[in-house]
C-alpha atoms as a PDB file:
ATOM      1  CA  PHE A   1      -2.468  78.376  34.293  1.00  0.00           C
ATOM      2  CA  ASP A   2       1.219  79.123  34.872  1.00  0.00           C
ATOM      3  CA  LEU A   3       1.958  75.643  33.601  1.00  0.00           C
ATOM      4  CA  ILE A   4       0.439  75.957  30.095  1.00  0.00           C
ATOM      5  CA  GLY A   5       3.243  76.168  27.569  1.00  0.00           C
ATOM      6  CA  LEU A   6       5.769  74.322  29.652  1.00  0.00           C
ATOM      7  CA  LYS A   7       7.836  71.574  27.974  1.00  0.00           C
ATOM      8  CA  VAL A   8       7.094  68.071  29.221  1.00  0.00           C
ATOM      9  CA  SER A   9      10.086  65.699  29.481  1.00  0.00           C
ATOM     10  CA  ASP A  10      10.747  62.335  31.054  1.00  0.00           C
ATOM     11  CA  THR A  11      13.391  61.695  33.612  1.00  0.00           C
ATOM     12  CA  SER A  12      15.922  60.725  30.917  1.00  0.00           C
ATOM     13  CA  GLY A  13      15.485  64.105  29.345  1.00  0.00           C
ATOM     14  CA  ARG A  14      13.404  63.005  26.314  1.00  0.00           C
ATOM     15  CA  ASN A  15      11.087  65.710  25.118  1.00  0.00           C
ATOM     16  CA  LEU A  16       7.446  64.499  25.102  1.00  0.00           C
ATOM     17  CA  GLY A  17       5.736  67.747  24.045  1.00  0.00           C
ATOM     18  CA  VAL A  18       4.248  70.938  25.405  1.00  0.00           C
ATOM     19  CA  LEU A  19       1.473  71.288  27.983  1.00  0.00           C
ATOM     20  CA  GLU A  20      -1.444  72.558  25.936  1.00  0.00           C
ATOM     21  CA  ASP A  21      -4.269  72.516  28.526  1.00  0.00           C
ATOM     22  CA  VAL A  22      -5.253  71.642  32.097  1.00  0.00           C
ATOM     23  CA  LEU A  23      -8.663  70.058  32.481  1.00  0.00           C
ATOM     24  CA  GLN A  24     -10.221  69.974  35.908  1.00  0.00           C
ATOM     25  CA  HIS A  25     -12.063  66.699  36.429  1.00  0.00           C
ATOM     26  CA  GLY A  26     -12.853  65.194  39.756  1.00  0.00           C
ATOM     27  CA  ALA A  27      -9.958  64.099  42.013  1.00  0.00           C
ATOM     28  CA  ALA A  28      -7.107  65.185  39.818  1.00  0.00           C
ATOM     29  CA  ASP A  29      -6.462  67.700  37.112  1.00  0.00           C
ATOM     30  CA  VAL A  30      -5.737  66.215  33.635  1.00  0.00           C
ATOM     31  CA  TYR A  31      -2.814  67.526  31.654  1.00  0.00           C
ATOM     32  CA  VAL A  32      -3.169  67.675  27.841  1.00  0.00           C
ATOM     33  CA  VAL A  33       0.179  67.432  26.043  1.00  0.00           C
ATOM     34  CA  LYS A  34       0.804  68.116  22.381  1.00  0.00           C
ATOM     35  CA  GLY A  35       3.855  66.563  20.807  1.00  0.00           C
ATOM     36  CA  GLU A  36       4.917  63.928  18.332  1.00  0.00           C
ATOM     37  CA  LYS A  37       2.239  61.847  20.097  1.00  0.00           C
ATOM     38  CA  ASN A  38      -0.649  63.739  21.727  1.00  0.00           C
ATOM     39  CA  PHE A  39      -1.694  62.466  25.092  1.00  0.00           C
ATOM     40  CA  MET A  40      -3.387  63.236  28.393  1.00  0.00           C
ATOM     41  CA  PHE A  41      -2.491  62.134  31.919  1.00  0.00           C
ATOM     42  CA  PRO A  42      -3.745  62.820  35.433  1.00  0.00           C
ATOM     43  CA  ALA A  43      -1.636  65.157  37.500  1.00  0.00           C
ATOM     44  CA  LEU A  44      -0.526  62.636  40.124  1.00  0.00           C
ATOM     45  CA  LYS A  45       2.469  62.864  42.429  1.00  0.00           C
ATOM     46  CA  ARG A  46       3.739  59.430  41.249  1.00  0.00           C
ATOM     47  CA  VAL A  47       3.751  60.684  37.591  1.00  0.00           C
ATOM     48  CA  ILE A  48       5.001  64.302  37.987  1.00  0.00           C
ATOM     49  CA  LYS A  49       8.515  64.283  39.440  1.00  0.00           C
ATOM     50  CA  ASN A  50       9.327  67.994  39.143  1.00  0.00           C
ATOM     51  CA  VAL A  51       7.879  71.280  37.915  1.00  0.00           C
ATOM     52  CA  ASP A  52      10.631  73.859  37.206  1.00  0.00           C
ATOM     53  CA  LEU A  53       8.939  77.116  36.352  1.00  0.00           C
ATOM     54  CA  ASP A  54      12.317  78.859  35.848  1.00  0.00           C
ATOM     55  CA  SER A  55      13.402  76.322  33.232  1.00  0.00           C
ATOM     56  CA  HIS A  56       9.833  75.939  31.867  1.00  0.00           C
ATOM     57  CA  VAL A  57       9.967  72.121  32.222  1.00  0.00           C
ATOM     58  CA  ILE A  58       7.684  69.528  33.765  1.00  0.00           C
ATOM     59  CA  THR A  59       9.550  66.222  34.417  1.00  0.00           C
ATOM     60  CA  VAL A  60       7.475  63.009  34.454  1.00  0.00           C
ATOM     61  CA  ASP A  61       8.321  59.433  35.429  1.00  0.00           C
ATOM     62  CA  SER A  62       8.169  57.313  32.188  1.00  0.00           C
ATOM     63  CA  ALA A  63       6.968  54.116  33.961  1.00  0.00           C
ATOM     64  CA  ALA A  64       4.201  55.786  35.889  1.00  0.00           C
ATOM     65  CA  LEU A  65       3.191  57.831  32.823  1.00  0.00           C
ATOM     66  CA  ALA A  66       2.897  54.629  30.745  1.00  0.00           C
ATOM     67  CA  GLU A  67       0.404  53.248  33.260  1.00  0.00           C
ATOM     68  CA  VAL A  68      -2.001  56.245  33.185  1.00  0.00           C
ATOM     69  CA  ALA A  69      -1.490  58.171  29.904  1.00  0.00           C
ATOM     70  CA  VAL A  70      -4.183  58.114  27.228  1.00  0.00           C
ATOM     71  CA  TYR A  71      -2.739  58.676  23.730  1.00  0.00           C
ATOM     72  CA  ASP A  72      -4.936  60.157  21.059  1.00  0.00           C
ATOM     73  CA  ASP A  73      -5.152  62.677  18.248  1.00  0.00           C
ATOM     74  CA  ILE A  74      -6.323  65.658  20.225  1.00  0.00           C
END
């Protein structure tokens, strides 16, 4: 729960939104992000490149995110 409220950005520094919730489903947690486009994605090592609690930023790989993200009006 330390992650809720962190900014989510891609590796190029583009702001994607804010982590709104963490759902615990099966093999991987699912991160719920609210931003210009709301989306969810599984917390996988290939997607999440870095979690910086000091800077309040989760950095994700754009290509890997595009493969697994589900966009929706949450």
